N, C-alpha and C. Protein backbone atom coordinates (compact mmCIF):
# COMPACT_ATOMS: atom_id res chain seq x y z
N VAL A 1 -57.87 38.68 67.31
CA VAL A 1 -57.00 38.52 68.50
C VAL A 1 -55.74 39.30 68.30
N ALA A 2 -55.42 40.12 69.25
CA ALA A 2 -54.14 40.89 69.19
C ALA A 2 -52.99 39.90 69.18
N GLY A 3 -52.06 40.13 68.33
CA GLY A 3 -50.89 39.28 68.27
C GLY A 3 -51.03 38.14 67.31
N LEU A 4 -52.26 37.91 66.69
CA LEU A 4 -52.35 36.90 65.70
C LEU A 4 -51.70 37.37 64.37
N HIS A 5 -50.76 36.58 63.91
CA HIS A 5 -50.13 36.98 62.68
C HIS A 5 -50.41 35.91 61.64
N LEU A 6 -51.07 36.32 60.61
CA LEU A 6 -51.34 35.34 59.48
C LEU A 6 -50.36 35.83 58.35
N PRO A 7 -49.61 34.93 57.78
CA PRO A 7 -48.57 35.27 56.80
C PRO A 7 -49.09 36.04 55.58
N HIS A 8 -50.20 35.71 55.05
CA HIS A 8 -50.71 36.43 53.92
C HIS A 8 -52.21 36.11 53.77
N ARG A 9 -52.87 36.96 52.99
CA ARG A 9 -54.29 36.72 52.71
C ARG A 9 -54.33 35.71 51.55
N PRO A 10 -55.15 34.68 51.75
CA PRO A 10 -55.26 33.62 50.70
C PRO A 10 -55.99 34.21 49.48
N ASP A 11 -55.57 33.76 48.29
CA ASP A 11 -56.21 34.22 47.05
C ASP A 11 -57.19 33.20 46.53
N SER A 12 -57.19 31.99 47.05
CA SER A 12 -58.11 30.96 46.58
C SER A 12 -58.36 30.00 47.76
N LEU A 13 -59.35 29.12 47.61
CA LEU A 13 -59.59 28.16 48.68
C LEU A 13 -58.41 27.18 48.76
N ASP A 14 -57.74 26.86 47.68
CA ASP A 14 -56.54 25.99 47.74
C ASP A 14 -55.49 26.75 48.55
N ASP A 15 -55.28 27.99 48.30
CA ASP A 15 -54.25 28.73 49.11
C ASP A 15 -54.62 28.74 50.54
N LEU A 16 -55.94 28.93 50.90
CA LEU A 16 -56.38 28.88 52.28
C LEU A 16 -56.05 27.54 52.92
N VAL A 17 -56.26 26.45 52.21
CA VAL A 17 -55.99 25.11 52.67
C VAL A 17 -54.50 24.98 52.99
N ALA A 18 -53.69 25.57 52.08
CA ALA A 18 -52.22 25.48 52.24
C ALA A 18 -51.75 26.20 53.48
N THR A 19 -52.57 27.16 53.97
CA THR A 19 -52.14 27.89 55.24
C THR A 19 -52.92 27.46 56.44
N ALA A 20 -53.49 26.23 56.38
CA ALA A 20 -54.24 25.75 57.49
C ALA A 20 -53.39 25.62 58.72
N PRO A 21 -53.95 25.84 59.93
CA PRO A 21 -53.25 25.88 61.18
C PRO A 21 -52.35 24.67 61.46
N ASP A 22 -52.79 23.50 61.03
CA ASP A 22 -51.90 22.34 61.30
C ASP A 22 -50.83 22.23 60.26
N ARG A 23 -50.84 22.97 59.25
CA ARG A 23 -49.80 23.01 58.19
C ARG A 23 -48.86 24.20 58.38
N GLN A 24 -49.34 25.20 58.98
CA GLN A 24 -48.46 26.40 59.28
C GLN A 24 -48.95 27.04 60.56
N GLN A 25 -48.11 27.12 61.56
CA GLN A 25 -48.50 27.66 62.88
C GLN A 25 -48.66 29.12 62.82
N ALA A 26 -49.77 29.62 63.40
CA ALA A 26 -49.98 31.08 63.59
C ALA A 26 -49.12 31.50 64.76
N ASN A 27 -48.51 32.66 64.67
CA ASN A 27 -47.62 33.16 65.70
C ASN A 27 -48.38 33.98 66.66
N LEU A 28 -48.68 33.45 67.80
CA LEU A 28 -49.46 34.12 68.92
C LEU A 28 -48.49 34.62 69.89
N ALA A 29 -48.60 35.87 70.29
CA ALA A 29 -47.84 36.38 71.36
C ALA A 29 -48.72 36.37 72.62
N PRO A 30 -48.54 35.44 73.52
CA PRO A 30 -49.48 35.31 74.67
C PRO A 30 -49.68 36.58 75.47
N ALA A 31 -48.65 37.34 75.58
CA ALA A 31 -48.75 38.57 76.42
C ALA A 31 -49.78 39.52 75.76
N GLN A 32 -49.95 39.43 74.50
CA GLN A 32 -50.86 40.37 73.84
C GLN A 32 -52.28 39.89 73.76
N VAL A 33 -52.51 38.61 74.03
CA VAL A 33 -53.84 38.07 73.97
C VAL A 33 -54.80 38.69 75.04
N GLY A 34 -54.26 39.00 76.17
CA GLY A 34 -55.08 39.73 77.17
C GLY A 34 -55.59 38.80 78.27
N THR A 35 -56.25 39.38 79.25
CA THR A 35 -56.86 38.68 80.34
C THR A 35 -58.31 39.19 80.57
N GLY A 36 -58.99 38.64 81.45
CA GLY A 36 -60.33 39.11 81.67
C GLY A 36 -61.32 38.19 81.10
N PRO A 37 -62.62 38.54 81.13
CA PRO A 37 -63.68 37.64 80.68
C PRO A 37 -63.64 37.33 79.23
N ASP A 38 -63.06 38.15 78.45
CA ASP A 38 -63.04 37.84 76.97
C ASP A 38 -61.81 37.07 76.59
N ALA A 39 -60.87 36.87 77.51
CA ALA A 39 -59.61 36.26 77.12
C ALA A 39 -59.84 34.85 76.70
N ALA A 40 -60.66 34.04 77.46
CA ALA A 40 -60.88 32.65 76.99
C ALA A 40 -61.51 32.57 75.61
N LEU A 41 -62.47 33.43 75.27
CA LEU A 41 -63.06 33.46 74.00
C LEU A 41 -62.08 33.84 72.96
N ALA A 42 -61.35 34.90 73.22
CA ALA A 42 -60.26 35.35 72.27
C ALA A 42 -59.27 34.23 72.03
N GLY A 43 -58.87 33.54 73.01
CA GLY A 43 -57.94 32.43 72.88
C GLY A 43 -58.57 31.30 71.97
N SER A 44 -59.88 31.13 72.21
CA SER A 44 -60.48 30.02 71.41
C SER A 44 -60.66 30.38 69.93
N LEU A 45 -60.56 31.65 69.62
CA LEU A 45 -60.74 32.10 68.22
C LEU A 45 -59.39 32.16 67.47
N SER A 46 -58.30 31.95 68.25
CA SER A 46 -56.99 32.25 67.58
C SER A 46 -56.69 31.34 66.41
N GLY A 47 -57.18 30.12 66.38
CA GLY A 47 -56.85 29.25 65.24
C GLY A 47 -57.94 29.22 64.15
N ARG A 48 -59.00 29.98 64.45
CA ARG A 48 -60.11 29.94 63.48
C ARG A 48 -59.73 30.72 62.20
N SER A 49 -59.89 30.20 61.10
CA SER A 49 -59.47 30.88 59.89
C SER A 49 -60.67 31.15 58.91
N ILE A 50 -61.76 30.44 59.04
CA ILE A 50 -62.86 30.69 58.10
C ILE A 50 -64.18 30.96 58.87
N PHE A 51 -64.94 31.92 58.40
CA PHE A 51 -66.31 32.14 58.88
C PHE A 51 -67.17 31.67 57.73
N LEU A 52 -68.13 30.74 58.02
CA LEU A 52 -69.07 30.22 56.99
C LEU A 52 -70.40 30.86 57.10
N SER A 53 -70.83 31.59 56.09
CA SER A 53 -72.04 32.26 56.11
C SER A 53 -73.02 31.49 55.10
N TYR A 54 -74.27 31.25 55.55
CA TYR A 54 -75.20 30.49 54.75
C TYR A 54 -76.64 30.72 55.22
N ASN A 55 -77.64 30.52 54.29
CA ASN A 55 -79.05 30.55 54.68
C ASN A 55 -79.43 29.24 55.24
N ARG A 56 -80.41 29.18 56.12
CA ARG A 56 -80.82 28.02 56.75
C ARG A 56 -81.22 26.87 55.71
N GLU A 57 -81.80 27.28 54.63
CA GLU A 57 -82.25 26.40 53.59
C GLU A 57 -81.08 25.58 53.08
N ASN A 58 -79.86 26.10 53.16
CA ASN A 58 -78.65 25.43 52.66
C ASN A 58 -77.83 24.83 53.80
N ALA A 59 -78.42 24.59 54.91
CA ALA A 59 -77.63 24.11 56.08
C ALA A 59 -76.90 22.77 55.81
N ARG A 60 -77.59 21.87 55.05
CA ARG A 60 -76.97 20.56 54.78
C ARG A 60 -75.72 20.78 53.92
N ASP A 61 -75.84 21.57 52.90
CA ASP A 61 -74.65 21.86 52.03
C ASP A 61 -73.58 22.61 52.79
N ALA A 62 -74.03 23.50 53.61
CA ALA A 62 -73.01 24.28 54.47
C ALA A 62 -72.21 23.31 55.41
N MET A 63 -72.93 22.34 56.02
CA MET A 63 -72.31 21.38 56.88
C MET A 63 -71.31 20.53 56.05
N ARG A 64 -71.65 20.15 54.84
CA ARG A 64 -70.80 19.39 54.02
C ARG A 64 -69.56 20.18 53.72
N LEU A 65 -69.72 21.41 53.32
CA LEU A 65 -68.54 22.30 53.00
C LEU A 65 -67.71 22.48 54.24
N ARG A 66 -68.33 22.67 55.42
CA ARG A 66 -67.62 22.89 56.67
C ARG A 66 -66.74 21.60 56.92
N ASP A 67 -67.34 20.44 56.82
CA ASP A 67 -66.68 19.17 57.10
C ASP A 67 -65.46 18.90 56.13
N ALA A 68 -65.68 19.31 54.90
CA ALA A 68 -64.57 19.15 53.90
C ALA A 68 -63.38 20.12 54.18
N LEU A 69 -63.77 21.31 54.58
CA LEU A 69 -62.72 22.28 54.93
C LEU A 69 -61.98 21.87 56.20
N ARG A 70 -62.74 21.28 57.15
CA ARG A 70 -62.09 20.79 58.37
C ARG A 70 -61.21 19.61 58.04
N ASP A 71 -61.61 18.76 57.15
CA ASP A 71 -60.78 17.60 56.70
C ASP A 71 -59.45 18.05 56.14
N GLU A 72 -59.47 19.29 55.58
CA GLU A 72 -58.26 19.89 55.01
C GLU A 72 -57.43 20.59 56.06
N GLY A 73 -57.82 20.48 57.38
CA GLY A 73 -57.01 21.08 58.43
C GLY A 73 -57.44 22.48 58.80
N LEU A 74 -58.52 23.03 58.28
CA LEU A 74 -58.94 24.38 58.53
C LEU A 74 -59.96 24.40 59.67
N ASP A 75 -59.89 25.47 60.48
CA ASP A 75 -60.86 25.69 61.57
C ASP A 75 -62.00 26.56 61.01
N VAL A 76 -63.16 26.04 60.99
CA VAL A 76 -64.32 26.73 60.39
C VAL A 76 -65.35 27.09 61.45
N PHE A 77 -65.74 28.37 61.52
CA PHE A 77 -66.81 28.73 62.38
C PHE A 77 -68.07 28.64 61.66
N MET A 78 -69.08 27.91 62.22
CA MET A 78 -70.41 27.77 61.72
C MET A 78 -71.39 27.98 62.89
N ASP A 79 -72.26 28.96 62.77
CA ASP A 79 -73.09 29.38 63.87
C ASP A 79 -73.87 28.18 64.50
N SER A 80 -74.45 27.40 63.75
CA SER A 80 -75.24 26.27 64.26
C SER A 80 -74.43 25.32 65.07
N VAL A 81 -73.10 25.26 64.90
CA VAL A 81 -72.18 24.36 65.60
C VAL A 81 -71.60 25.04 66.83
N HIS A 82 -71.21 26.28 66.66
CA HIS A 82 -70.38 26.94 67.69
C HIS A 82 -71.09 27.87 68.66
N LEU A 83 -72.26 28.35 68.31
CA LEU A 83 -72.98 29.21 69.28
C LEU A 83 -73.61 28.40 70.36
N VAL A 84 -73.57 28.94 71.62
CA VAL A 84 -74.12 28.18 72.77
C VAL A 84 -75.28 29.00 73.38
N ALA A 85 -76.10 28.25 74.08
CA ALA A 85 -77.30 28.92 74.63
C ALA A 85 -76.88 29.98 75.61
N GLY A 86 -77.55 31.07 75.60
CA GLY A 86 -77.23 32.20 76.47
C GLY A 86 -76.15 33.16 75.94
N GLU A 87 -75.53 32.80 74.91
CA GLU A 87 -74.44 33.62 74.33
C GLU A 87 -74.98 34.74 73.57
N SER A 88 -74.36 35.93 73.58
CA SER A 88 -74.75 37.07 72.75
C SER A 88 -74.41 36.74 71.29
N TRP A 89 -75.33 36.12 70.59
CA TRP A 89 -75.00 35.53 69.25
C TRP A 89 -74.61 36.60 68.28
N LEU A 90 -75.26 37.76 68.34
CA LEU A 90 -74.95 38.83 67.36
C LEU A 90 -73.50 39.38 67.59
N GLN A 91 -73.14 39.58 68.87
CA GLN A 91 -71.81 39.97 69.12
C GLN A 91 -70.83 38.90 68.72
N ARG A 92 -71.12 37.66 68.92
CA ARG A 92 -70.20 36.57 68.54
C ARG A 92 -70.00 36.51 67.09
N LEU A 93 -71.12 36.67 66.29
CA LEU A 93 -70.97 36.63 64.79
C LEU A 93 -70.01 37.77 64.31
N LYS A 94 -70.25 38.97 64.90
CA LYS A 94 -69.36 40.07 64.47
C LYS A 94 -67.93 39.83 64.87
N LEU A 95 -67.69 39.27 66.06
CA LEU A 95 -66.38 38.94 66.51
C LEU A 95 -65.71 37.92 65.62
N GLU A 96 -66.42 36.90 65.28
CA GLU A 96 -65.89 35.84 64.46
C GLU A 96 -65.51 36.39 63.06
N ILE A 97 -66.33 37.20 62.44
CA ILE A 97 -66.07 37.81 61.16
C ILE A 97 -64.80 38.69 61.32
N ALA A 98 -64.77 39.46 62.45
CA ALA A 98 -63.58 40.37 62.64
C ALA A 98 -62.28 39.57 62.79
N GLN A 99 -62.34 38.28 63.15
CA GLN A 99 -61.10 37.50 63.44
C GLN A 99 -60.80 36.60 62.28
N ALA A 100 -61.75 36.36 61.35
CA ALA A 100 -61.58 35.35 60.38
C ALA A 100 -60.53 35.78 59.29
N GLN A 101 -59.76 34.82 58.85
CA GLN A 101 -58.85 34.96 57.80
C GLN A 101 -59.52 35.08 56.49
N ALA A 102 -60.72 34.32 56.38
CA ALA A 102 -61.57 34.34 55.15
C ALA A 102 -63.01 34.15 55.52
N VAL A 103 -63.86 34.69 54.71
CA VAL A 103 -65.27 34.51 54.87
C VAL A 103 -65.77 33.80 53.62
N VAL A 104 -66.43 32.62 53.83
CA VAL A 104 -66.97 31.89 52.72
C VAL A 104 -68.50 32.10 52.78
N VAL A 105 -69.07 32.59 51.71
CA VAL A 105 -70.48 32.90 51.61
C VAL A 105 -71.15 31.84 50.67
N LEU A 106 -71.89 30.96 51.25
CA LEU A 106 -72.62 29.95 50.45
C LEU A 106 -73.97 30.56 49.92
N ILE A 107 -74.06 30.49 48.58
CA ILE A 107 -75.21 31.17 47.99
C ILE A 107 -76.13 30.16 47.29
N GLY A 108 -77.29 30.00 47.79
CA GLY A 108 -78.27 29.09 47.20
C GLY A 108 -79.21 29.84 46.21
N ARG A 109 -80.25 29.06 45.76
CA ARG A 109 -81.17 29.61 44.80
C ARG A 109 -81.87 30.88 45.26
N GLU A 110 -82.03 31.07 46.57
CA GLU A 110 -82.69 32.26 47.05
C GLU A 110 -81.79 33.47 47.01
N GLY A 111 -80.52 33.23 46.84
CA GLY A 111 -79.49 34.31 46.98
C GLY A 111 -79.27 34.63 48.47
N PRO A 112 -78.30 35.44 48.74
CA PRO A 112 -78.07 35.79 50.20
C PRO A 112 -79.20 36.66 50.68
N ARG A 113 -79.66 36.42 51.86
CA ARG A 113 -80.77 37.29 52.46
C ARG A 113 -80.72 37.22 53.97
N GLY A 114 -81.47 37.99 54.57
CA GLY A 114 -81.55 37.94 56.08
C GLY A 114 -80.18 38.29 56.71
N PHE A 115 -79.78 37.46 57.66
CA PHE A 115 -78.52 37.69 58.36
C PHE A 115 -77.34 37.45 57.56
N VAL A 116 -77.47 36.63 56.47
CA VAL A 116 -76.36 36.43 55.53
C VAL A 116 -75.97 37.76 54.91
N LEU A 117 -76.97 38.62 54.59
CA LEU A 117 -76.67 39.92 54.04
C LEU A 117 -75.95 40.79 55.11
N ASP A 118 -76.35 40.63 56.36
CA ASP A 118 -75.65 41.39 57.40
C ASP A 118 -74.16 40.91 57.51
N GLU A 119 -74.02 39.57 57.50
CA GLU A 119 -72.66 39.01 57.60
C GLU A 119 -71.78 39.45 56.40
N VAL A 120 -72.35 39.45 55.21
CA VAL A 120 -71.69 39.93 54.05
C VAL A 120 -71.28 41.42 54.23
N GLY A 121 -72.23 42.19 54.69
CA GLY A 121 -71.91 43.66 54.94
C GLY A 121 -70.80 43.89 55.94
N TRP A 122 -70.80 43.08 57.06
CA TRP A 122 -69.71 43.20 58.04
C TRP A 122 -68.42 42.77 57.48
N ALA A 123 -68.35 41.70 56.68
CA ALA A 123 -67.14 41.24 56.00
C ALA A 123 -66.63 42.24 55.00
N LEU A 124 -67.56 42.75 54.19
CA LEU A 124 -67.18 43.78 53.18
C LEU A 124 -66.55 45.04 53.87
N ALA A 125 -67.22 45.46 54.96
CA ALA A 125 -66.73 46.64 55.66
C ALA A 125 -65.34 46.36 56.22
N ARG A 126 -65.06 45.19 56.76
CA ARG A 126 -63.80 44.84 57.29
C ARG A 126 -62.75 44.77 56.15
N HIS A 127 -63.18 44.22 55.02
CA HIS A 127 -62.28 44.14 53.87
C HIS A 127 -61.88 45.55 53.41
N ARG A 128 -62.84 46.41 53.37
CA ARG A 128 -62.49 47.88 52.93
C ARG A 128 -61.67 48.55 53.89
N ARG A 129 -61.96 48.39 55.18
CA ARG A 129 -61.12 49.05 56.21
C ARG A 129 -59.67 48.60 56.15
N ALA A 130 -59.51 47.31 56.04
CA ALA A 130 -58.12 46.75 55.98
C ALA A 130 -57.40 47.28 54.66
N ALA A 131 -58.07 47.27 53.60
CA ALA A 131 -57.47 47.78 52.34
C ALA A 131 -57.10 49.25 52.46
N ALA A 132 -58.01 50.06 52.99
CA ALA A 132 -57.79 51.42 53.23
C ALA A 132 -56.58 51.76 54.11
N ALA A 133 -56.38 50.87 55.08
CA ALA A 133 -55.29 51.03 56.06
C ALA A 133 -53.95 50.41 55.50
N GLY A 134 -53.97 49.92 54.32
CA GLY A 134 -52.78 49.32 53.78
C GLY A 134 -52.48 47.95 54.30
N GLU A 135 -53.49 47.32 54.96
CA GLU A 135 -53.31 45.97 55.43
C GLU A 135 -53.89 45.00 54.39
N ARG A 136 -53.53 43.67 54.55
CA ARG A 136 -54.08 42.74 53.68
C ARG A 136 -55.50 42.39 54.16
N PRO A 137 -56.54 42.64 53.36
CA PRO A 137 -57.84 42.36 53.74
C PRO A 137 -58.21 40.89 53.84
N PRO A 138 -59.17 40.48 54.56
CA PRO A 138 -59.55 39.12 54.60
C PRO A 138 -60.14 38.71 53.25
N ALA A 139 -59.95 37.47 52.89
CA ALA A 139 -60.45 36.88 51.61
C ALA A 139 -61.93 36.72 51.79
N ILE A 140 -62.66 36.95 50.69
CA ILE A 140 -64.14 36.67 50.68
C ILE A 140 -64.27 35.67 49.47
N PHE A 141 -64.90 34.55 49.76
CA PHE A 141 -65.14 33.52 48.81
C PHE A 141 -66.66 33.26 48.63
N PRO A 142 -67.30 33.84 47.60
CA PRO A 142 -68.66 33.45 47.34
C PRO A 142 -68.70 32.04 46.67
N VAL A 143 -69.50 31.14 47.22
CA VAL A 143 -69.72 29.82 46.62
C VAL A 143 -71.13 29.62 46.23
N SER A 144 -71.35 29.45 44.92
CA SER A 144 -72.72 29.35 44.37
C SER A 144 -73.10 27.93 44.28
N LEU A 145 -74.33 27.62 44.79
CA LEU A 145 -74.81 26.25 44.70
C LEU A 145 -75.60 26.03 43.41
N GLY A 146 -75.63 26.98 42.57
CA GLY A 146 -76.33 26.87 41.28
C GLY A 146 -77.69 27.45 41.33
N GLY A 147 -78.23 27.84 40.19
CA GLY A 147 -79.57 28.39 40.18
C GLY A 147 -79.70 29.73 40.88
N VAL A 148 -78.59 30.35 41.10
CA VAL A 148 -78.52 31.65 41.83
C VAL A 148 -79.14 32.74 40.98
N PRO A 149 -79.99 33.63 41.57
CA PRO A 149 -80.51 34.77 40.87
C PRO A 149 -79.36 35.73 40.58
N ASP A 150 -79.64 36.58 39.66
CA ASP A 150 -78.65 37.68 39.32
C ASP A 150 -78.41 38.52 40.52
N LEU A 151 -77.23 38.45 41.14
CA LEU A 151 -76.97 39.12 42.33
C LEU A 151 -77.04 40.67 42.21
N ARG A 152 -76.86 41.16 41.02
CA ARG A 152 -77.04 42.58 40.74
C ARG A 152 -78.48 43.07 40.97
N SER A 153 -79.43 42.11 40.88
CA SER A 153 -80.88 42.57 41.08
C SER A 153 -81.26 42.50 42.51
N LEU A 154 -80.34 42.09 43.39
CA LEU A 154 -80.71 41.91 44.83
C LEU A 154 -80.11 43.06 45.62
N ASP A 155 -80.10 42.96 46.86
CA ASP A 155 -79.47 43.93 47.85
C ASP A 155 -78.08 44.34 47.38
N PRO A 156 -77.68 45.56 47.56
CA PRO A 156 -76.33 45.99 47.15
C PRO A 156 -75.25 45.18 47.83
N ARG A 157 -75.52 44.66 49.00
CA ARG A 157 -74.50 43.86 49.69
C ARG A 157 -74.35 42.51 48.90
N ALA A 158 -75.41 41.96 48.40
CA ALA A 158 -75.32 40.79 47.58
C ALA A 158 -74.59 41.06 46.24
N ALA A 159 -74.92 42.21 45.62
CA ALA A 159 -74.26 42.60 44.39
C ALA A 159 -72.76 42.74 44.57
N SER A 160 -72.35 43.20 45.80
CA SER A 160 -70.94 43.45 46.06
C SER A 160 -70.18 42.15 46.01
N LEU A 161 -70.80 41.00 46.24
CA LEU A 161 -70.09 39.75 46.10
C LEU A 161 -69.54 39.46 44.70
N LEU A 162 -70.09 40.15 43.70
CA LEU A 162 -69.59 40.02 42.30
C LEU A 162 -68.19 40.67 42.17
N ASP A 163 -67.75 41.39 43.21
CA ASP A 163 -66.40 41.95 43.12
C ASP A 163 -65.38 40.82 43.41
N PHE A 164 -65.76 39.66 43.80
CA PHE A 164 -64.92 38.54 44.09
C PHE A 164 -65.28 37.36 43.19
N GLN A 165 -64.28 36.56 42.87
CA GLN A 165 -64.48 35.36 42.02
C GLN A 165 -65.51 34.46 42.65
N VAL A 166 -66.56 34.14 41.97
CA VAL A 166 -67.61 33.14 42.52
C VAL A 166 -67.21 31.80 42.10
N THR A 167 -67.21 30.88 42.99
CA THR A 167 -66.99 29.49 42.74
C THR A 167 -68.24 28.73 42.68
N ALA A 168 -68.58 28.02 41.53
CA ALA A 168 -69.73 27.20 41.41
C ALA A 168 -69.51 25.82 42.03
N TRP A 169 -70.56 25.35 42.73
CA TRP A 169 -70.44 24.05 43.40
C TRP A 169 -71.82 23.38 43.47
N GLN A 170 -71.92 22.13 43.06
CA GLN A 170 -73.13 21.38 43.18
C GLN A 170 -72.99 20.37 44.31
N ALA A 171 -74.00 20.10 45.02
CA ALA A 171 -73.91 19.20 46.21
C ALA A 171 -73.42 17.81 45.87
N ASP A 172 -73.61 17.36 44.59
CA ASP A 172 -73.15 16.05 44.26
C ASP A 172 -71.64 16.01 43.71
N GLN A 173 -71.02 17.19 43.72
CA GLN A 173 -69.64 17.28 43.27
C GLN A 173 -68.69 17.34 44.47
N PRO A 174 -67.42 17.00 44.21
CA PRO A 174 -66.42 17.25 45.31
C PRO A 174 -66.47 18.67 45.73
N VAL A 175 -66.17 18.91 47.01
CA VAL A 175 -66.11 20.19 47.56
C VAL A 175 -64.99 21.01 46.99
N PRO A 176 -65.18 22.25 46.66
CA PRO A 176 -64.17 23.08 45.89
C PRO A 176 -62.99 23.55 46.78
N VAL A 177 -62.11 22.59 47.18
CA VAL A 177 -60.93 23.03 47.94
C VAL A 177 -59.69 22.62 47.18
C-alpha cells in the first residue's frame, strides 16, 4: 500500500511481535492510498504484517501458529481464512506477499512444495529487489515442524530458505513468538 511506513524490518518473531499494529501504529497517508476498485482491498491490507505460507497437510499447525501470532496483536494473512469465493486467488496471494512485513514459511515433513514453493519464490524475489534498491527487505521466517528433509536436496527455492535462520517448532510446544 502506498504510504505504508513500517519503522524497520523485524529480525526475529519476537521483534515482529514488538511492532504489532496495536502496539505501534503504522503511518498511513490516506491521500496516497488511492481510489477505485482496488482501494478497498488496499485499505484492508494496510495493517497486515505477516503472510503465512504452509502446505495443506500442515493446516492445523498453521492455524495454531496464526492464532498465536494474532493473540500477540499481529495481523496474519492465511489463504484458507481470507480468500473469498470468486476472488482472483493467485493475484491476491501475490499482493499479500508484496504488502507483508514478514513471510512465515511453515515447513513440514514433506518440505515446501507446490504453491508454497511459488510463495517462497515471490517472497525471495521481493526480498532481493528491496535489498538491491537499498530498502529494508521483508523478513522471511522459516519454521520447521521437525522431520524436515534436507532442504538443499529439494527445489532451489526451498534451499534458499537456508539463507534465513530456521526456527524449530513442535505442535505440542508453545508457539515460537
